[in-house]
Amino acid sequence: MGVLRVIRTAVSAVFGLFWAVIILFAVLGFPGTTSTAKFPDPVDGQAVYDPAGAFDAGIQAALEDRIDAIEARSGAEIAIYVQVDPSATAESNLAAAQALLDQWGVGRAGFDDGLVILISLEPGLRDAVPPCLISCTRYGACLQ
């Protein structure tokens, strides 16, 4: 009887540990599922995002029209994102452009036809040339 009691106790302990881990994951989230999204979710039919307010409505509409024409002609996907980031460097902007490309999934699966243009401005310089302009294709070919 002593062996069965030890086995029963071990099974109860493992079962209890299993449920403790499940409850912990339910409360804190599963590893790798925490949202590290730096950018908002994309909007269907929109290619130009300007939370920095650098483009007036006419420029934004012209960019949308040109991107729509390119996408209709080639199937390529393009996104332009303008942000204010006073600490932007070429390296950090490159990483942010790649993160945006990955987060939004710009480009068709199986094709190297996604392009992200990320413009990072310094505060108060909305009308100046951006300090960092990065464009990335889906497979990491980035231009600075």
C-alpha atoms as a PDB file:
ATOM      1  CA  MET A   1       0.000   0.000   0.000  1.00  0.00           C
ATOM      2  CA  GLY A   2       2.906   2.395   0.578  1.00  0.00           C
ATOM      3  CA  VAL A   3       3.916   2.426  -3.098  1.00  0.00           C
ATOM      4  CA  LEU A   4       0.366   3.210  -4.262  1.00  0.00           C
ATOM      5  CA  ARG A   5       0.139   6.066  -1.773  1.00  0.00           C
ATOM      6  CA  VAL A   6       3.428   7.542  -3.072  1.00  0.00           C
ATOM      7  CA  ILE A   7       2.252   7.226  -6.686  1.00  0.00           C
ATOM      8  CA  ARG A   8      -1.123   8.778  -5.831  1.00  0.00           C
ATOM      9  CA  THR A   9       0.598  11.652  -4.019  1.00  0.00           C
ATOM     10  CA  ALA A  10       2.994  12.226  -6.936  1.00  0.00           C
ATOM     11  CA  VAL A  11       0.151  12.207  -9.477  1.00  0.00           C
ATOM     12  CA  SER A  12      -1.819  14.672  -7.333  1.00  0.00           C
ATOM     13  CA  ALA A  13       1.215  16.950  -7.055  1.00  0.00           C
ATOM     14  CA  VAL A  14       1.859  16.867 -10.815  1.00  0.00           C
ATOM     15  CA  PHE A  15      -1.830  17.447 -11.554  1.00  0.00           C
ATOM     16  CA  GLY A  16      -1.909  20.365  -9.097  1.00  0.00           C
ATOM     17  CA  LEU A  17       1.258  21.852 -10.629  1.00  0.00           C
ATOM     18  CA  PHE A  18      -0.255  21.476 -14.100  1.00  0.00           C
ATOM     19  CA  TRP A  19      -3.345  23.479 -13.111  1.00  0.00           C
ATOM     20  CA  ALA A  20      -1.243  26.077 -11.314  1.00  0.00           C
ATOM     21  CA  VAL A  21       0.769  26.645 -14.497  1.00  0.00           C
ATOM     22  CA  ILE A  22      -2.410  26.848 -16.610  1.00  0.00           C
ATOM     23  CA  ILE A  23      -3.914  29.421 -14.232  1.00  0.00           C
ATOM     24  CA  LEU A  24      -0.650  31.398 -14.213  1.00  0.00           C
ATOM     25  CA  PHE A  25      -0.617  31.516 -18.032  1.00  0.00           C
ATOM     26  CA  ALA A  26      -4.281  32.497 -18.097  1.00  0.00           C
ATOM     27  CA  VAL A  27      -3.615  35.421 -15.768  1.00  0.00           C
ATOM     28  CA  LEU A  28      -0.249  36.580 -17.127  1.00  0.00           C
ATOM     29  CA  GLY A  29      -0.532  35.416 -20.741  1.00  0.00           C
ATOM     30  CA  PHE A  30       1.358  32.798 -22.668  1.00  0.00           C
ATOM     31  CA  PRO A  31       4.994  33.444 -23.583  1.00  0.00           C
ATOM     32  CA  GLY A  32       5.342  35.146 -26.937  1.00  0.00           C
ATOM     33  CA  THR A  33       1.759  36.402 -26.963  1.00  0.00           C
ATOM     34  CA  THR A  34       2.299  39.671 -25.184  1.00  0.00           C
ATOM     35  CA  SER A  35       1.621  42.570 -27.486  1.00  0.00           C
ATOM     36  CA  THR A  36       4.800  44.387 -28.379  1.00  0.00           C
ATOM     37  CA  ALA A  37       3.083  46.174 -31.227  1.00  0.00           C
ATOM     38  CA  LYS A  38       4.593  49.590 -31.652  1.00  0.00           C
ATOM     39  CA  PHE A  39       2.228  50.564 -34.443  1.00  0.00           C
ATOM     40  CA  PRO A  40      -1.568  50.613 -34.537  1.00  0.00           C
ATOM     41  CA  ASP A  41      -3.361  47.975 -36.564  1.00  0.00           C
ATOM     42  CA  PRO A  42      -3.567  48.775 -40.276  1.00  0.00           C
ATOM     43  CA  VAL A  43      -6.841  49.964 -41.806  1.00  0.00           C
ATOM     44  CA  ASP A  44      -8.126  48.148 -44.912  1.00  0.00           C
ATOM     45  CA  GLY A  45      -7.740  50.302 -48.004  1.00  0.00           C
ATOM     46  CA  GLN A  46      -5.362  52.763 -46.332  1.00  0.00           C
ATOM     47  CA  ALA A  47      -1.676  52.960 -47.248  1.00  0.00           C
ATOM     48  CA  VAL A  48      -0.613  56.319 -45.789  1.00  0.00           C
ATOM     49  CA  TYR A  49      -0.515  56.740 -42.007  1.00  0.00           C
ATOM     50  CA  ASP A  50       0.472  60.114 -40.634  1.00  0.00           C
ATOM     51  CA  PRO A  51      -0.026  60.346 -36.878  1.00  0.00           C
ATOM     52  CA  ALA A  52       2.691  63.039 -36.909  1.00  0.00           C
ATOM     53  CA  GLY A  53       0.468  65.314 -38.999  1.00  0.00           C
ATOM     54  CA  ALA A  54       3.222  66.065 -41.519  1.00  0.00           C
ATOM     55  CA  PHE A  55       1.092  65.669 -44.667  1.00  0.00           C
ATOM     56  CA  ASP A  56      -1.843  67.878 -45.531  1.00  0.00           C
ATOM     57  CA  ALA A  57      -4.994  66.194 -46.834  1.00  0.00           C
ATOM     58  CA  GLY A  58      -4.107  66.864 -50.488  1.00  0.00           C
ATOM     59  CA  ILE A  59      -0.678  65.253 -50.244  1.00  0.00           C
ATOM     60  CA  GLN A  60      -2.074  62.295 -48.354  1.00  0.00           C
ATOM     61  CA  ALA A  61      -4.807  61.794 -50.978  1.00  0.00           C
ATOM     62  CA  ALA A  62      -2.272  62.064 -53.822  1.00  0.00           C
ATOM     63  CA  LEU A  63      -0.033  59.470 -52.156  1.00  0.00           C
ATOM     64  CA  GLU A  64      -2.988  57.143 -51.617  1.00  0.00           C
ATOM     65  CA  ASP A  65      -3.975  57.486 -55.293  1.00  0.00           C
ATOM     66  CA  ARG A  66      -0.452  56.803 -56.533  1.00  0.00           C
ATOM     67  CA  ILE A  67      -0.066  53.781 -54.221  1.00  0.00           C
ATOM     68  CA  ASP A  68      -3.464  52.427 -55.295  1.00  0.00           C
ATOM     69  CA  ALA A  69      -2.363  52.678 -58.942  1.00  0.00           C
ATOM     70  CA  ILE A  70       0.917  50.876 -58.236  1.00  0.00           C
ATOM     71  CA  GLU A  71      -0.856  48.154 -56.270  1.00  0.00           C
ATOM     72  CA  ALA A  72      -3.496  47.710 -59.013  1.00  0.00           C
ATOM     73  CA  ARG A  73      -0.834  47.478 -61.710  1.00  0.00           C
ATOM     74  CA  SER A  74       1.661  45.215 -59.940  1.00  0.00           C
ATOM     75  CA  GLY A  75      -0.021  43.620 -56.937  1.00  0.00           C
ATOM     76  CA  ALA A  76       2.723  45.024 -54.710  1.00  0.00           C
ATOM     77  CA  GLU A  77       1.755  46.347 -51.291  1.00  0.00           C
ATOM     78  CA  ILE A  78       3.066  49.675 -50.026  1.00  0.00           C
ATOM     79  CA  ALA A  79       2.678  51.437 -46.691  1.00  0.00           C
ATOM     80  CA  ILE A  80       3.918  54.876 -45.680  1.00  0.00           C
ATOM     81  CA  TYR A  81       4.122  55.701 -41.986  1.00  0.00           C
ATOM     82  CA  VAL A  82       5.137  59.092 -40.576  1.00  0.00           C
ATOM     83  CA  GLN A  83       5.953  59.338 -36.884  1.00  0.00           C
ATOM     84  CA  VAL A  84       7.563  61.730 -34.434  1.00  0.00           C
ATOM     85  CA  ASP A  85      10.563  60.077 -32.831  1.00  0.00           C
ATOM     86  CA  PRO A  86      13.151  62.458 -31.353  1.00  0.00           C
ATOM     87  CA  SER A  87      15.535  59.625 -30.589  1.00  0.00           C
ATOM     88  CA  ALA A  88      15.465  58.078 -34.082  1.00  0.00           C
ATOM     89  CA  THR A  89      18.736  56.936 -35.539  1.00  0.00           C
ATOM     90  CA  ALA A  90      19.340  55.105 -38.788  1.00  0.00           C
ATOM     91  CA  GLU A  91      19.611  51.853 -36.834  1.00  0.00           C
ATOM     92  CA  SER A  92      16.503  52.359 -34.704  1.00  0.00           C
ATOM     93  CA  ASN A  93      14.491  53.503 -37.710  1.00  0.00           C
ATOM     94  CA  LEU A  94      15.612  50.471 -39.681  1.00  0.00           C
ATOM     95  CA  ALA A  95      14.483  48.225 -36.831  1.00  0.00           C
ATOM     96  CA  ALA A  96      11.158  50.089 -36.584  1.00  0.00           C
ATOM     97  CA  ALA A  97      10.574  49.794 -40.351  1.00  0.00           C
ATOM     98  CA  GLN A  98      11.249  46.062 -40.199  1.00  0.00           C
ATOM     99  CA  ALA A  99       8.937  45.758 -37.181  1.00  0.00           C
ATOM    100  CA  LEU A 100       6.194  47.589 -39.077  1.00  0.00           C
ATOM    101  CA  LEU A 101       6.716  45.373 -42.123  1.00  0.00           C
ATOM    102  CA  ASP A 102       6.479  42.254 -39.954  1.00  0.00           C
ATOM    103  CA  GLN A 103       3.599  43.468 -37.767  1.00  0.00           C
ATOM    104  CA  TRP A 104       1.402  44.473 -40.695  1.00  0.00           C
ATOM    105  CA  GLY A 105       2.561  41.713 -43.056  1.00  0.00           C
ATOM    106  CA  VAL A 106       3.057  44.143 -45.945  1.00  0.00           C
ATOM    107  CA  GLY A 107       3.478  42.209 -49.195  1.00  0.00           C
ATOM    108  CA  ARG A 108       1.985  39.062 -50.592  1.00  0.00           C
ATOM    109  CA  ALA A 109       3.091  35.689 -49.261  1.00  0.00           C
ATOM    110  CA  GLY A 110       5.609  34.114 -51.604  1.00  0.00           C
ATOM    111  CA  PHE A 111       6.489  37.384 -53.339  1.00  0.00           C
ATOM    112  CA  ASP A 112       9.056  40.035 -52.477  1.00  0.00           C
ATOM    113  CA  ASP A 113       6.594  42.816 -53.199  1.00  0.00           C
ATOM    114  CA  GLY A 114       6.025  44.628 -49.911  1.00  0.00           C
ATOM    115  CA  LEU A 115       7.451  48.092 -49.303  1.00  0.00           C
ATOM    116  CA  VAL A 116       7.357  50.145 -46.118  1.00  0.00           C
ATOM    117  CA  ILE A 117       8.456  53.761 -46.097  1.00  0.00           C
ATOM    118  CA  LEU A 118       8.970  54.910 -42.519  1.00  0.00           C
ATOM    119  CA  ILE A 119       9.599  58.598 -41.898  1.00  0.00           C
ATOM    120  CA  SER A 120      10.681  59.628 -38.402  1.00  0.00           C
ATOM    121  CA  LEU A 121      10.540  63.324 -37.628  1.00  0.00           C
ATOM    122  CA  GLU A 122      11.888  65.308 -34.745  1.00  0.00           C
ATOM    123  CA  PRO A 123       9.292  67.247 -32.719  1.00  0.00           C
ATOM    124  CA  GLY A 124       8.510  70.623 -34.282  1.00  0.00           C
ATOM    125  CA  LEU A 125      10.142  69.734 -37.609  1.00  0.00           C
ATOM    126  CA  ARG A 126       7.082  68.556 -39.495  1.00  0.00           C
ATOM    127  CA  ASP A 127       7.961  70.697 -42.521  1.00  0.00           C
ATOM    128  CA  ALA A 128      11.665  69.806 -42.561  1.00  0.00           C
ATOM    129  CA  VAL A 129      13.442  66.969 -44.291  1.00  0.00           C
ATOM    130  CA  PRO A 130      13.108  63.912 -42.054  1.00  0.00           C
ATOM    131  CA  PRO A 131      16.276  62.819 -40.253  1.00  0.00           C
ATOM    132  CA  CYS A 132      15.642  59.168 -41.027  1.00  0.00           C
ATOM    133  CA  LEU A 133      13.892  57.758 -44.052  1.00  0.00           C
ATOM    134  CA  ILE A 134      13.877  53.994 -44.316  1.00  0.00           C
ATOM    135  CA  SER A 135      12.139  51.780 -46.820  1.00  0.00           C
ATOM    136  CA  CYS A 136      12.097  48.018 -46.410  1.00  0.00           C
ATOM    137  CA  THR A 137      10.947  45.197 -48.595  1.00  0.00           C
ATOM    138  CA  ARG A 138       9.390  42.081 -47.158  1.00  0.00           C
ATOM    139  CA  TYR A 139      12.650  40.142 -47.176  1.00  0.00           C
ATOM    140  CA  GLY A 140      14.818  42.680 -45.421  1.00  0.00           C
ATOM    141  CA  ALA A 141      16.242  44.656 -48.346  1.00  0.00           C
ATOM    142  CA  CYS A 142      16.299  48.061 -46.705  1.00  0.00           C
ATOM    143  CA  LEU A 143      17.425  51.386 -48.088  1.00  0.00           C
ATOM    144  CA  GLN A 144      18.590  54.253 -45.936  1.00  0.00           C
END
